PDB file of N, CA and C in Angstrom:
ATOM      1  N   UNK A   1     -29.966  33.806 -15.374  1.00  0.00           N
ATOM      2  CA  UNK A   1     -30.206  32.832 -16.412  1.00  0.00           C
ATOM      3  C   UNK A   1     -28.910  32.117 -16.813  1.00  0.00           C
ATOM      4  N   UNK A   2     -27.802  32.848 -16.750  1.00  0.00           N
ATOM      5  CA  UNK A   2     -26.526  32.245 -17.131  1.00  0.00           C
ATOM      6  C   UNK A   2     -26.041  31.284 -16.047  1.00  0.00           C
ATOM      7  N   UNK A   3     -26.260  31.625 -14.775  1.00  0.00           N
ATOM      8  CA  UNK A   3     -25.781  30.794 -13.681  1.00  0.00           C
ATOM      9  C   UNK A   3     -26.374  29.381 -13.723  1.00  0.00           C
ATOM     10  N   UNK A   4     -27.689  29.191 -13.925  1.00  0.00           N
ATOM     11  CA  UNK A   4     -28.206  27.813 -14.005  1.00  0.00           C
ATOM     12  C   UNK A   4     -27.600  27.017 -15.160  1.00  0.00           C
ATOM     13  N   UNK A   5     -27.340  27.687 -16.273  1.00  0.00           N
ATOM     14  CA  UNK A   5     -26.727  26.985 -17.405  1.00  0.00           C
ATOM     15  C   UNK A   5     -25.295  26.578 -17.099  1.00  0.00           C
ATOM     16  N   UNK A   6     -24.560  27.463 -16.422  1.00  0.00           N
ATOM     17  CA  UNK A   6     -23.197  27.119 -16.035  1.00  0.00           C
ATOM     18  C   UNK A   6     -23.181  25.967 -15.033  1.00  0.00           C
ATOM     19  N   UNK A   7     -24.123  26.002 -14.091  1.00  0.00           N
ATOM     20  CA  UNK A   7     -24.207  24.904 -13.132  1.00  0.00           C
ATOM     21  C   UNK A   7     -24.559  23.589 -13.826  1.00  0.00           C
ATOM     22  N   UNK A   8     -25.462  23.649 -14.797  1.00  0.00           N
ATOM     23  CA  UNK A   8     -25.817  22.454 -15.548  1.00  0.00           C
ATOM     24  C   UNK A   8     -24.615  21.944 -16.345  1.00  0.00           C
ATOM     25  N   UNK A   9     -23.895  22.843 -16.986  1.00  0.00           N
ATOM     26  CA  UNK A   9     -22.713  22.458 -17.748  1.00  0.00           C
ATOM     27  C   UNK A   9     -21.641  21.852 -16.837  1.00  0.00           C
ATOM     28  N   UNK A  10     -21.419  22.484 -15.687  1.00  0.00           N
ATOM     29  CA  UNK A  10     -20.432  21.971 -14.734  1.00  0.00           C
ATOM     30  C   UNK A  10     -20.850  20.602 -14.207  1.00  0.00           C
ATOM     31  N   UNK A  11     -22.118  20.427 -13.904  1.00  0.00           N
ATOM     32  CA  UNK A  11     -22.614  19.139 -13.412  1.00  0.00           C
ATOM     33  C   UNK A  11     -22.455  18.041 -14.458  1.00  0.00           C
ATOM     34  N   UNK A  12     -22.767  18.358 -15.701  1.00  0.00           N
ATOM     35  CA  UNK A  12     -22.606  17.369 -16.780  1.00  0.00           C
ATOM     36  C   UNK A  12     -21.140  17.002 -16.967  1.00  0.00           C
ATOM     37  N   UNK A  13     -20.257  17.985 -16.917  1.00  0.00           N
ATOM     38  CA  UNK A  13     -18.821  17.711 -17.055  1.00  0.00           C
ATOM     39  C   UNK A  13     -18.329  16.874 -15.883  1.00  0.00           C
ATOM     40  N   UNK A  14     -18.811  17.174 -14.682  1.00  0.00           N
ATOM     41  CA  UNK A  14     -18.413  16.428 -13.492  1.00  0.00           C
ATOM     42  C   UNK A  14     -18.850  14.970 -13.581  1.00  0.00           C
ATOM     43  N   UNK A  15     -20.091  14.744 -13.979  1.00  0.00           N
ATOM     44  CA  UNK A  15     -20.609  13.384 -14.064  1.00  0.00           C
ATOM     45  C   UNK A  15     -19.997  12.599 -15.221  1.00  0.00           C
ATOM     46  N   UNK A  16     -19.729  13.273 -16.319  1.00  0.00           N
ATOM     47  CA  UNK A  16     -19.193  12.574 -17.496  1.00  0.00           C
ATOM     48  C   UNK A  16     -17.716  12.249 -17.342  1.00  0.00           C
ATOM     49  N   UNK A  17     -16.991  13.053 -16.562  1.00  0.00           N
ATOM     50  CA  UNK A  17     -15.554  12.856 -16.487  1.00  0.00           C
ATOM     51  C   UNK A  17     -15.180  11.649 -15.639  1.00  0.00           C
ATOM     52  N   UNK A  18     -15.672  11.562 -14.422  1.00  0.00           N
ATOM     53  CA  UNK A  18     -15.397  10.425 -13.558  1.00  0.00           C
ATOM     54  C   UNK A  18     -13.916  10.197 -13.333  1.00  0.00           C
ATOM     55  N   UNK A  19     -13.588   8.985 -12.979  1.00  0.00           N
ATOM     56  CA  UNK A  19     -12.207   8.581 -12.751  1.00  0.00           C
ATOM     57  C   UNK A  19     -11.908   7.377 -13.621  1.00  0.00           C
ATOM     58  N   UNK A  20     -10.681   7.256 -14.034  1.00  0.00           N
ATOM     59  CA  UNK A  20     -10.268   6.097 -14.818  1.00  0.00           C
ATOM     60  C   UNK A  20      -8.870   5.692 -14.392  1.00  0.00           C
ATOM     61  N   UNK A  21      -8.670   4.396 -14.207  1.00  0.00           N
ATOM     62  CA  UNK A  21      -7.363   3.845 -13.886  1.00  0.00           C
ATOM     63  C   UNK A  21      -7.069   2.727 -14.855  1.00  0.00           C
ATOM     64  N   UNK A  22      -5.917   2.805 -15.490  1.00  0.00           N
ATOM     65  CA  UNK A  22      -5.457   1.740 -16.382  1.00  0.00           C
ATOM     66  C   UNK A  22      -4.308   1.045 -15.672  1.00  0.00           C
ATOM     67  N   UNK A  23      -4.394  -0.264 -15.530  1.00  0.00           N
ATOM     68  CA  UNK A  23      -3.414  -1.034 -14.785  1.00  0.00           C
ATOM     69  C   UNK A  23      -2.781  -2.044 -15.731  1.00  0.00           C
ATOM     70  N   UNK A  24      -1.480  -1.941 -15.929  1.00  0.00           N
ATOM     71  CA  UNK A  24      -0.739  -2.851 -16.803  1.00  0.00           C
ATOM     72  C   UNK A  24       0.190  -3.669 -15.914  1.00  0.00           C
ATOM     73  N   UNK A  25       0.091  -4.980 -16.015  1.00  0.00           N
ATOM     74  CA  UNK A  25       0.924  -5.840 -15.183  1.00  0.00           C
ATOM     75  C   UNK A  25       1.226  -7.142 -15.910  1.00  0.00           C
ATOM     76  N   UNK A  26       2.219  -7.855 -15.392  1.00  0.00           N
ATOM     77  CA  UNK A  26       2.628  -9.130 -15.967  1.00  0.00           C
ATOM     78  C   UNK A  26       1.730 -10.218 -15.397  1.00  0.00           C
ATOM     79  N   UNK A  27       1.073 -10.962 -16.254  1.00  0.00           N
ATOM     80  CA  UNK A  27       0.152 -12.003 -15.826  1.00  0.00           C
ATOM     81  C   UNK A  27       0.923 -13.181 -15.250  1.00  0.00           C
ATOM     82  N   UNK A  28       0.640 -13.532 -14.023  1.00  0.00           N
ATOM     83  CA  UNK A  28       1.228 -14.654 -13.273  1.00  0.00           C
ATOM     84  C   UNK A  28       2.705 -14.493 -12.963  1.00  0.00           C
ATOM     85  N   UNK A  29       3.446 -13.771 -13.716  1.00  0.00           N
ATOM     86  CA  UNK A  29       4.854 -13.556 -13.409  1.00  0.00           C
ATOM     87  C   UNK A  29       5.696 -14.775 -13.728  1.00  0.00           C
ATOM     88  N   UNK A  30       6.995 -14.686 -13.449  1.00  0.00           N
ATOM     89  CA  UNK A  30       7.879 -15.803 -13.765  1.00  0.00           C
ATOM     90  C   UNK A  30       7.595 -17.007 -12.874  1.00  0.00           C
ATOM     91  N   UNK A  31       7.651 -18.172 -13.452  1.00  0.00           N
ATOM     92  CA  UNK A  31       7.478 -19.440 -12.742  1.00  0.00           C
ATOM     93  C   UNK A  31       6.170 -19.502 -11.957  1.00  0.00           C
ATOM     94  N   UNK A  32       5.125 -18.880 -12.494  1.00  0.00           N
ATOM     95  CA  UNK A  32       3.796 -18.920 -11.875  1.00  0.00           C
ATOM     96  C   UNK A  32       3.793 -18.368 -10.447  1.00  0.00           C
ATOM     97  N   UNK A  33       4.704 -17.458 -10.117  1.00  0.00           N
ATOM     98  CA  UNK A  33       4.800 -16.940  -8.760  1.00  0.00           C
ATOM     99  C   UNK A  33       3.870 -15.766  -8.521  1.00  0.00           C
ATOM    100  N   UNK A  34       3.292 -15.225  -9.546  1.00  0.00           N
ATOM    101  CA  UNK A  34       2.456 -14.050  -9.368  1.00  0.00           C
ATOM    102  C   UNK A  34       3.295 -12.785  -9.302  1.00  0.00           C
ATOM    103  N   UNK A  35       2.639 -11.683  -9.103  1.00  0.00           N
ATOM    104  CA  UNK A  35       3.338 -10.403  -9.037  1.00  0.00           C
ATOM    105  C   UNK A  35       4.029 -10.272  -7.680  1.00  0.00           C
ATOM    106  N   UNK A  36       5.333 -10.162  -7.709  1.00  0.00           N
ATOM    107  CA  UNK A  36       6.129  -9.969  -6.506  1.00  0.00           C
ATOM    108  C   UNK A  36       7.086  -8.813  -6.765  1.00  0.00           C
ATOM    109  N   UNK A  37       6.628  -7.598  -6.567  1.00  0.00           N
ATOM    110  CA  UNK A  37       7.465  -6.450  -6.907  1.00  0.00           C
ATOM    111  C   UNK A  37       8.655  -6.288  -5.970  1.00  0.00           C
ATOM    112  N   UNK A  38       9.663  -5.621  -6.478  1.00  0.00           N
ATOM    113  CA  UNK A  38      10.878  -5.328  -5.719  1.00  0.00           C
ATOM    114  C   UNK A  38      10.706  -4.058  -4.892  1.00  0.00           C
ATOM    115  N   UNK A  39       9.954  -3.098  -5.408  1.00  0.00           N
ATOM    116  CA  UNK A  39       9.804  -1.801  -4.736  1.00  0.00           C
ATOM    117  C   UNK A  39       8.334  -1.495  -4.485  1.00  0.00           C
ATOM    118  N   UNK A  40       8.106  -0.479  -3.676  1.00  0.00           N
ATOM    119  CA  UNK A  40       6.750   0.028  -3.468  1.00  0.00           C
ATOM    120  C   UNK A  40       6.382   0.945  -4.631  1.00  0.00           C
ATOM    121  N   UNK A  41       5.139   1.383  -4.681  1.00  0.00           N
ATOM    122  CA  UNK A  41       4.668   2.249  -5.760  1.00  0.00           C
ATOM    123  C   UNK A  41       5.399   3.590  -5.723  1.00  0.00           C
ATOM    124  N   UNK A  42       5.892   4.018  -6.867  1.00  0.00           N
ATOM    125  CA  UNK A  42       6.423   5.371  -7.080  1.00  0.00           C
ATOM    126  C   UNK A  42       5.381   6.083  -7.940  1.00  0.00           C
ATOM    127  N   UNK A  43       5.114   7.346  -7.677  1.00  0.00           N
ATOM    128  CA  UNK A  43       4.087   8.080  -8.414  1.00  0.00           C
ATOM    129  C   UNK A  43       4.620   9.425  -8.866  1.00  0.00           C
ATOM    130  N   UNK A  44       4.242   9.808 -10.071  1.00  0.00           N
ATOM    131  CA  UNK A  44       4.616  11.118 -10.601  1.00  0.00           C
ATOM    132  C   UNK A  44       3.480  11.618 -11.486  1.00  0.00           C
ATOM    133  N   UNK A  45       3.211  12.905 -11.423  1.00  0.00           N
ATOM    134  CA  UNK A  45       2.218  13.508 -12.296  1.00  0.00           C
ATOM    135  C   UNK A  45       2.926  14.073 -13.520  1.00  0.00           C
ATOM    136  N   UNK A  46       2.503  13.623 -14.688  1.00  0.00           N
ATOM    137  CA  UNK A  46       3.081  14.071 -15.953  1.00  0.00           C
ATOM    138  C   UNK A  46       2.150  15.073 -16.606  1.00  0.00           C
ATOM    139  N   UNK A  47       2.703  15.939 -17.431  1.00  0.00           N
ATOM    140  CA  UNK A  47       1.915  16.981 -18.089  1.00  0.00           C
ATOM    141  C   UNK A  47       2.201  16.979 -19.582  1.00  0.00           C
ATOM    142  N   UNK A  48       1.146  17.153 -20.367  1.00  0.00           N
ATOM    143  CA  UNK A  48       1.274  17.333 -21.809  1.00  0.00           C
ATOM    144  C   UNK A  48       0.680  18.698 -22.147  1.00  0.00           C
ATOM    145  N   UNK A  49       1.381  19.470 -22.944  1.00  0.00           N
ATOM    146  CA  UNK A  49       0.924  20.804 -23.342  1.00  0.00           C
ATOM    147  C   UNK A  49       0.796  20.864 -24.856  1.00  0.00           C
ATOM    148  N   UNK A  50      -0.054  21.730 -25.313  1.00  0.00           N
ATOM    149  CA  UNK A  50      -0.202  21.940 -26.754  1.00  0.00           C
ATOM    150  C   UNK A  50      -0.689  20.695 -27.474  1.00  0.00           C
ATOM    151  N   UNK A  51      -1.674  20.039 -26.881  1.00  0.00           N
ATOM    152  CA  UNK A  51      -2.290  18.833 -27.466  1.00  0.00           C
ATOM    153  C   UNK A  51      -1.257  17.751 -27.741  1.00  0.00           C
ATOM    154  N   UNK A  52      -0.285  17.638 -26.832  1.00  0.00           N
ATOM    155  CA  UNK A  52       0.728  16.595 -26.936  1.00  0.00           C
ATOM    156  C   UNK A  52       1.994  17.014 -27.658  1.00  0.00           C
ATOM    157  N   UNK A  53       2.055  18.253 -28.156  1.00  0.00           N
ATOM    158  CA  UNK A  53       3.259  18.703 -28.859  1.00  0.00           C
ATOM    159  C   UNK A  53       4.453  18.763 -27.905  1.00  0.00           C
ATOM    160  N   UNK A  54       4.197  19.174 -26.655  1.00  0.00           N
ATOM    161  CA  UNK A  54       5.232  19.161 -25.624  1.00  0.00           C
ATOM    162  C   UNK A  54       4.728  18.250 -24.518  1.00  0.00           C
ATOM    163  N   UNK A  55       5.469  17.204 -24.248  1.00  0.00           N
ATOM    164  CA  UNK A  55       5.042  16.276 -23.206  1.00  0.00           C
ATOM    165  C   UNK A  55       6.196  16.009 -22.252  1.00  0.00           C
ATOM    166  N   UNK A  56       5.835  15.605 -21.069  1.00  0.00           N
ATOM    167  CA  UNK A  56       6.814  15.269 -20.053  1.00  0.00           C
ATOM    168  C   UNK A  56       6.928  13.748 -20.029  1.00  0.00           C
ATOM    169  N   UNK A  57       8.078  13.223 -20.414  1.00  0.00           N
ATOM    170  CA  UNK A  57       8.300  11.787 -20.393  1.00  0.00           C
ATOM    171  C   UNK A  57       8.716  11.353 -18.989  1.00  0.00           C
ATOM    172  N   UNK A  58       8.691  10.058 -18.773  1.00  0.00           N
ATOM    173  CA  UNK A  58       9.009   9.522 -17.449  1.00  0.00           C
ATOM    174  C   UNK A  58      10.153   8.525 -17.544  1.00  0.00           C
ATOM    175  N   UNK A  59      11.392   8.983 -17.359  1.00  0.00           N
ATOM    176  CA  UNK A  59      12.499   8.025 -17.305  1.00  0.00           C
ATOM    177  C   UNK A  59      12.523   7.369 -15.918  1.00  0.00           C
ATOM    178  N   UNK A  60      12.412   6.060 -15.881  1.00  0.00           N
ATOM    179  CA  UNK A  60      12.408   5.317 -14.620  1.00  0.00           C
ATOM    180  C   UNK A  60      13.846   4.912 -14.314  1.00  0.00           C
ATOM    181  N   UNK A  61      14.380   5.449 -13.210  1.00  0.00           N
ATOM    182  CA  UNK A  61      15.770   5.157 -12.874  1.00  0.00           C
ATOM    183  C   UNK A  61      15.922   4.455 -11.527  1.00  0.00           C
ATOM    184  N   UNK A  62      14.814   4.093 -10.898  1.00  0.00           N
ATOM    185  CA  UNK A  62      14.924   3.449  -9.594  1.00  0.00           C
ATOM    186  C   UNK A  62      14.828   1.924  -9.671  1.00  0.00           C
ATOM    187  N   UNK A  63      14.705   1.350 -10.851  1.00  0.00           N
ATOM    188  CA  UNK A  63      14.590  -0.105 -10.993  1.00  0.00           C
ATOM    189  C   UNK A  63      15.960  -0.732 -11.216  1.00  0.00           C
ATOM    190  N   UNK A  64      16.765  -0.683 -10.180  1.00  0.00           N
ATOM    191  CA  UNK A  64      18.076  -1.323 -10.268  1.00  0.00           C
ATOM    192  C   UNK A  64      18.498  -1.790  -8.889  1.00  0.00           C
ATOM    193  N   UNK A  65      19.356  -2.779  -8.897  1.00  0.00           N
ATOM    194  CA  UNK A  65      19.870  -3.347  -7.653  1.00  0.00           C
ATOM    195  C   UNK A  65      21.035  -2.510  -7.148  1.00  0.00           C
ATOM    196  N   UNK A  66      21.542  -2.854  -5.974  1.00  0.00           N
ATOM    197  CA  UNK A  66      22.653  -2.117  -5.382  1.00  0.00           C
ATOM    198  C   UNK A  66      23.910  -2.138  -6.238  1.00  0.00           C
ATOM    199  N   UNK A  67      24.105  -3.216  -7.009  1.00  0.00           N
ATOM    200  CA  UNK A  67      25.303  -3.299  -7.850  1.00  0.00           C
ATOM    201  C   UNK A  67      25.111  -2.643  -9.220  1.00  0.00           C
ATOM    202  N   UNK A  68      23.957  -2.018  -9.449  1.00  0.00           N
ATOM    203  CA  UNK A  68      23.707  -1.316 -10.710  1.00  0.00           C
ATOM    204  C   UNK A  68      22.957  -2.130 -11.746  1.00  0.00           C
ATOM    205  N   UNK A  69      22.715  -3.412 -11.481  1.00  0.00           N
ATOM    206  CA  UNK A  69      21.967  -4.241 -12.423  1.00  0.00           C
ATOM    207  C   UNK A  69      20.526  -3.763 -12.487  1.00  0.00           C
ATOM    208  N   UNK A  70      20.055  -3.495 -13.689  1.00  0.00           N
ATOM    209  CA  UNK A  70      18.687  -3.000 -13.850  1.00  0.00           C
ATOM    210  C   UNK A  70      17.699  -4.157 -13.857  1.00  0.00           C
ATOM    211  N   UNK A  71      16.543  -3.922 -13.260  1.00  0.00           N
ATOM    212  CA  UNK A  71      15.445  -4.880 -13.312  1.00  0.00           C
ATOM    213  C   UNK A  71      14.344  -4.268 -14.158  1.00  0.00           C
ATOM    214  N   UNK A  72      13.343  -5.033 -14.479  1.00  0.00           N
ATOM    215  CA  UNK A  72      12.236  -4.520 -15.291  1.00  0.00           C
ATOM    216  C   UNK A  72      11.190  -3.822 -14.436  1.00  0.00           C
ATOM    217  N   UNK A  73      10.149  -3.375 -15.103  1.00  0.00           N
ATOM    218  CA  UNK A  73       9.019  -2.758 -14.418  1.00  0.00           C
ATOM    219  C   UNK A  73       7.946  -3.827 -14.277  1.00  0.00           C
ATOM    220  N   UNK A  74       7.476  -4.049 -13.062  1.00  0.00           N
ATOM    221  CA  UNK A  74       6.486  -5.088 -12.779  1.00  0.00           C
ATOM    222  C   UNK A  74       5.073  -4.627 -13.109  1.00  0.00           C
ATOM    223  N   UNK A  75       4.704  -3.433 -12.656  1.00  0.00           N
ATOM    224  CA  UNK A  75       3.347  -2.933 -12.856  1.00  0.00           C
ATOM    225  C   UNK A  75       3.372  -1.441 -13.154  1.00  0.00           C
ATOM    226  N   UNK A  76       2.399  -0.993 -13.939  1.00  0.00           N
ATOM    227  CA  UNK A  76       2.241   0.428 -14.260  1.00  0.00           C
ATOM    228  C   UNK A  76       0.767   0.776 -14.106  1.00  0.00           C
ATOM    229  N   UNK A  77       0.482   1.922 -13.500  1.00  0.00           N
ATOM    230  CA  UNK A  77      -0.886   2.438 -13.404  1.00  0.00           C
ATOM    231  C   UNK A  77      -0.906   3.855 -13.955  1.00  0.00           C
ATOM    232  N   UNK A  78      -1.884   4.142 -14.798  1.00  0.00           N
ATOM    233  CA  UNK A  78      -2.110   5.504 -15.305  1.00  0.00           C
ATOM    234  C   UNK A  78      -3.494   5.924 -14.838  1.00  0.00           C
ATOM    235  N   UNK A  79      -3.582   7.083 -14.197  1.00  0.00           N
ATOM    236  CA  UNK A  79      -4.831   7.506 -13.567  1.00  0.00           C
ATOM    237  C   UNK A  79      -5.286   8.884 -14.019  1.00  0.00           C
ATOM    238  N   UNK A  80      -6.560   8.964 -14.334  1.00  0.00           N
ATOM    239  CA  UNK A  80      -7.253  10.237 -14.523  1.00  0.00           C
ATOM    240  C   UNK A  80      -8.242  10.358 -13.388  1.00  0.00           C
ATOM    241  N   UNK A  81      -8.379  11.547 -12.842  1.00  0.00           N
ATOM    242  CA  UNK A  81      -9.442  11.778 -11.874  1.00  0.00           C
ATOM    243  C   UNK A  81     -10.258  12.979 -12.332  1.00  0.00           C
ATOM    244  N   UNK A  82     -11.217  13.370 -11.547  1.00  0.00           N
ATOM    245  CA  UNK A  82     -12.108  14.455 -11.945  1.00  0.00           C
ATOM    246  C   UNK A  82     -11.327  15.743 -12.175  1.00  0.00           C
ATOM    247  N   UNK A  83     -10.364  16.025 -11.309  1.00  0.00           N
ATOM    248  CA  UNK A  83      -9.587  17.261 -11.446  1.00  0.00           C
ATOM    249  C   UNK A  83      -8.767  17.299 -12.730  1.00  0.00           C
ATOM    250  N   UNK A  84      -8.092  16.202 -13.042  1.00  0.00           N
ATOM    251  CA  UNK A  84      -7.280  16.199 -14.261  1.00  0.00           C
ATOM    252  C   UNK A  84      -8.150  16.222 -15.512  1.00  0.00           C
ATOM    253  N   UNK A  85      -9.296  15.571 -15.447  1.00  0.00           N
ATOM    254  CA  UNK A  85     -10.206  15.595 -16.595  1.00  0.00           C
ATOM    255  C   UNK A  85     -10.795  16.986 -16.791  1.00  0.00           C
ATOM    256  N   UNK A  86     -11.170  17.649 -15.697  1.00  0.00           N
ATOM    257  CA  UNK A  86     -11.694  19.011 -15.814  1.00  0.00           C
ATOM    258  C   UNK A  86     -10.633  19.976 -16.334  1.00  0.00           C
ATOM    259  N   UNK A  87      -9.383  19.774 -15.930  1.00  0.00           N
ATOM    260  CA  UNK A  87      -8.305  20.618 -16.452  1.00  0.00           C
ATOM    261  C   UNK A  87      -8.194  20.460 -17.964  1.00  0.00           C
ATOM    262  N   UNK A  88      -8.304  19.236 -18.448  1.00  0.00           N
ATOM    263  CA  UNK A  88      -8.248  19.008 -19.899  1.00  0.00           C
ATOM    264  C   UNK A  88      -9.471  19.595 -20.595  1.00  0.00           C
ATOM    265  N   UNK A  89     -10.640  19.491 -19.973  1.00  0.00           N
ATOM    266  CA  UNK A  89     -11.868  20.017 -20.590  1.00  0.00           C
ATOM    267  C   UNK A  89     -11.826  21.545 -20.657  1.00  0.00           C
ATOM    268  N   UNK A  90     -11.481  22.183 -19.532  1.00  0.00           N
ATOM    269  CA  UNK A  90     -11.510  23.647 -19.486  1.00  0.00           C
ATOM    270  C   UNK A  90     -10.426  24.291 -20.347  1.00  0.00           C
ATOM    271  N   UNK A  91      -9.342  23.576 -20.618  1.00  0.00           N
ATOM    272  CA  UNK A  91      -8.304  24.123 -21.495  1.00  0.00           C
ATOM    273  C   UNK A  91      -8.456  23.601 -22.923  1.00  0.00           C
ATOM    274  N   UNK A  92      -9.581  22.935 -23.190  1.00  0.00           N
ATOM    275  CA  UNK A  92      -9.869  22.354 -24.507  1.00  0.00           C
ATOM    276  C   UNK A  92      -8.759  21.396 -24.956  1.00  0.00           C
ATOM    277  N   UNK A  93      -8.206  20.682 -23.998  1.00  0.00           N
ATOM    278  CA  UNK A  93      -7.176  19.692 -24.298  1.00  0.00           C
ATOM    279  C   UNK A  93      -5.772  20.242 -24.403  1.00  0.00           C
ATOM    280  N   UNK A  94      -5.595  21.555 -24.218  1.00  0.00           N
ATOM    281  CA  UNK A  94      -4.261  22.146 -24.327  1.00  0.00           C
ATOM    282  C   UNK A  94      -3.328  21.615 -23.244  1.00  0.00           C
ATOM    283  N   UNK A  95      -3.854  21.479 -22.010  1.00  0.00           N
ATOM    284  CA  UNK A  95      -3.083  20.956 -20.886  1.00  0.00           C
ATOM    285  C   UNK A  95      -3.744  19.674 -20.409  1.00  0.00           C
ATOM    286  N   UNK A  96      -2.989  18.585 -20.361  1.00  0.00           N
ATOM    287  CA  UNK A  96      -3.533  17.297 -19.936  1.00  0.00           C
ATOM    288  C   UNK A  96      -2.610  16.648 -18.915  1.00  0.00           C
ATOM    289  N   UNK A  97      -2.944  16.769 -17.637  1.00  0.00           N
ATOM    290  CA  UNK A  97      -2.137  16.088 -16.612  1.00  0.00           C
ATOM    291  C   UNK A  97      -2.543  14.618 -16.504  1.00  0.00           C
ATOM    292  N   UNK A  98      -1.603  13.779 -16.085  1.00  0.00           N
ATOM    293  CA  UNK A  98      -1.846  12.352 -15.920  1.00  0.00           C
ATOM    294  C   UNK A  98      -0.973  11.853 -14.780  1.00  0.00           C
ATOM    295  N   UNK A  99      -1.562  11.097 -13.855  1.00  0.00           N
ATOM    296  CA  UNK A  99      -0.811  10.535 -12.741  1.00  0.00           C
ATOM    297  C   UNK A  99      -0.389   9.113 -13.099  1.00  0.00           C
ATOM    298  N   UNK A 100       0.922   8.855 -13.054  1.00  0.00           N
ATOM    299  CA  UNK A 100       1.474   7.553 -13.416  1.00  0.00           C
ATOM    300  C   UNK A 100       2.190   6.973 -12.201  1.00  0.00           C
ATOM    301  N   UNK A 101       1.934   5.684 -11.918  1.00  0.00           N
ATOM    302  CA  UNK A 101       2.594   4.976 -10.823  1.00  0.00           C
ATOM    303  C   UNK A 101       3.229   3.706 -11.377  1.00  0.00           C
ATOM    304  N   UNK A 102       4.335   3.275 -10.770  1.00  0.00           N
ATOM    305  CA  UNK A 102       5.004   2.056 -11.225  1.00  0.00           C
ATOM    306  C   UNK A 102       5.693   1.380 -10.050  1.00  0.00           C
ATOM    307  N   UNK A 103       5.884   0.067 -10.205  1.00  0.00           N
ATOM    308  CA  UNK A 103       6.657  -0.739  -9.262  1.00  0.00           C
ATOM    309  C   UNK A 103       7.667  -1.556 -10.055  1.00  0.00           C
ATOM    310  N   UNK A 104       8.828  -1.745  -9.485  1.00  0.00           N
ATOM    311  CA  UNK A 104       9.888  -2.492 -10.167  1.00  0.00           C
ATOM    312  C   UNK A 104       9.750  -3.992  -9.898  1.00  0.00           C
ATOM    313  N   UNK A 105      10.236  -4.786 -10.842  1.00  0.00           N
ATOM    314  CA  UNK A 105      10.163  -6.237 -10.739  1.00  0.00           C
ATOM    315  C   UNK A 105      11.364  -6.793  -9.984  1.00  0.00           C
ATOM    316  N   UNK A 106      11.155  -7.914  -9.375  1.00  0.00           N
ATOM    317  CA  UNK A 106      12.267  -8.640  -8.766  1.00  0.00           C
ATOM    318  C   UNK A 106      13.134  -9.207  -9.878  1.00  0.00           C
ATOM    319  N   UNK A 107      14.419  -9.348  -9.627  1.00  0.00           N
ATOM    320  CA  UNK A 107      15.272  -9.962 -10.657  1.00  0.00           C
ATOM    321  C   UNK A 107      14.923 -11.437 -10.820  1.00  0.00           C
ATOM    322  N   UNK A 108      15.177 -11.950 -11.994  1.00  0.00           N
ATOM    323  CA  UNK A 108      14.919 -13.366 -12.258  1.00  0.00           C
ATOM    324  C   UNK A 108      15.825 -14.215 -11.378  1.00  0.00           C
ATOM    325  N   UNK A 109      15.297 -15.320 -10.848  1.00  0.00           N
ATOM    326  CA  UNK A 109      16.138 -16.168 -10.007  1.00  0.00           C
ATOM    327  C   UNK A 109      17.268 -16.794 -10.819  1.00  0.00           C
ATOM    328  N   UNK A 110      18.423 -16.862 -10.198  1.00  0.00           N
ATOM    329  CA  UNK A 110      19.584 -17.448 -10.864  1.00  0.00           C
ATOM    330  C   UNK A 110      19.761 -18.859 -10.315  1.00  0.00           C
ATOM    331  N   UNK A 111      19.951 -19.778 -11.199  1.00  0.00           N
ATOM    332  CA  UNK A 111      20.143 -21.152 -10.760  1.00  0.00           C
ATOM    333  C   UNK A 111      19.647 -22.119 -11.823  1.00  0.00           C
ATOM    334  N   UNK A 112      19.800 -23.375 -11.540  1.00  0.00           N
ATOM    335  CA  UNK A 112      19.358 -24.379 -12.485  1.00  0.00           C
ATOM    336  C   UNK A 112      20.496 -24.787 -13.399  1.00  0.00           C
ATOM    337  N   UNK A 113      20.250 -25.791 -14.188  1.00  0.00           N
ATOM    338  CA  UNK A 113      21.252 -26.313 -15.093  1.00  0.00           C
ATOM    339  C   UNK A 113      20.784 -26.095 -16.515  1.00  0.00           C
ATOM    340  N   UNK A 114      21.649 -25.520 -17.325  1.00  0.00           N
ATOM    341  CA  UNK A 114      21.321 -25.309 -18.732  1.00  0.00           C
ATOM    342  C   UNK A 114      21.738 -26.542 -19.513  1.00  0.00           C
ATOM    343  N   UNK A 115      20.830 -27.069 -20.265  1.00  0.00           N
ATOM    344  CA  UNK A 115      21.125 -28.235 -21.107  1.00  0.00           C
ATOM    345  C   UNK A 115      21.697 -27.758 -22.437  1.00  0.00           C
ATOM    346  N   UNK A 116      22.696 -28.464 -22.959  1.00  0.00           N
ATOM    347  CA  UNK A 116      23.205 -28.066 -24.284  1.00  0.00           C
ATOM    348  C   UNK A 116      22.155 -28.348 -25.350  1.00  0.00           C
ATOM    349  N   UNK A 117      22.121 -27.534 -26.412  1.00  0.00           N
ATOM    350  CA  UNK A 117      21.124 -27.759 -27.459  1.00  0.00           C
ATOM    351  C   UNK A 117      21.327 -29.122 -28.126  1.00  0.00           C
ATOM    352  N   UNK A 118      20.261 -29.772 -28.461  1.00  0.00           N
ATOM    353  CA  UNK A 118      20.316 -31.108 -29.097  1.00  0.00           C
ATOM    354  C   UNK A 118      20.382 -30.973 -30.595  1.00  0.00           C
TER     355      UNK A 118
END
């Protein structure tokens, strides 16, 4: 009698959890060029414990040129899948993993003539 209820509970959790991807990006980019990232996607799984009391932050250190000049972040994706959602459900939210991906932006083009203020 307990096994059918557990299967029903597991099935409901599986169907309700699903997958979710949040994608943050710069609309059209500079000079209407669209998204033209400098790097490929980097991905890291972050963990939060104790309902967010202890969390793993993500310092991005790969968005820089060879001379050390830093560029911005072009796009960010945060992903939940069935496994990470089930981990949060079964631990009652104590442990919440999250997969985060990012790409770096190209540096702004240098050039043009600056007009003095009128």
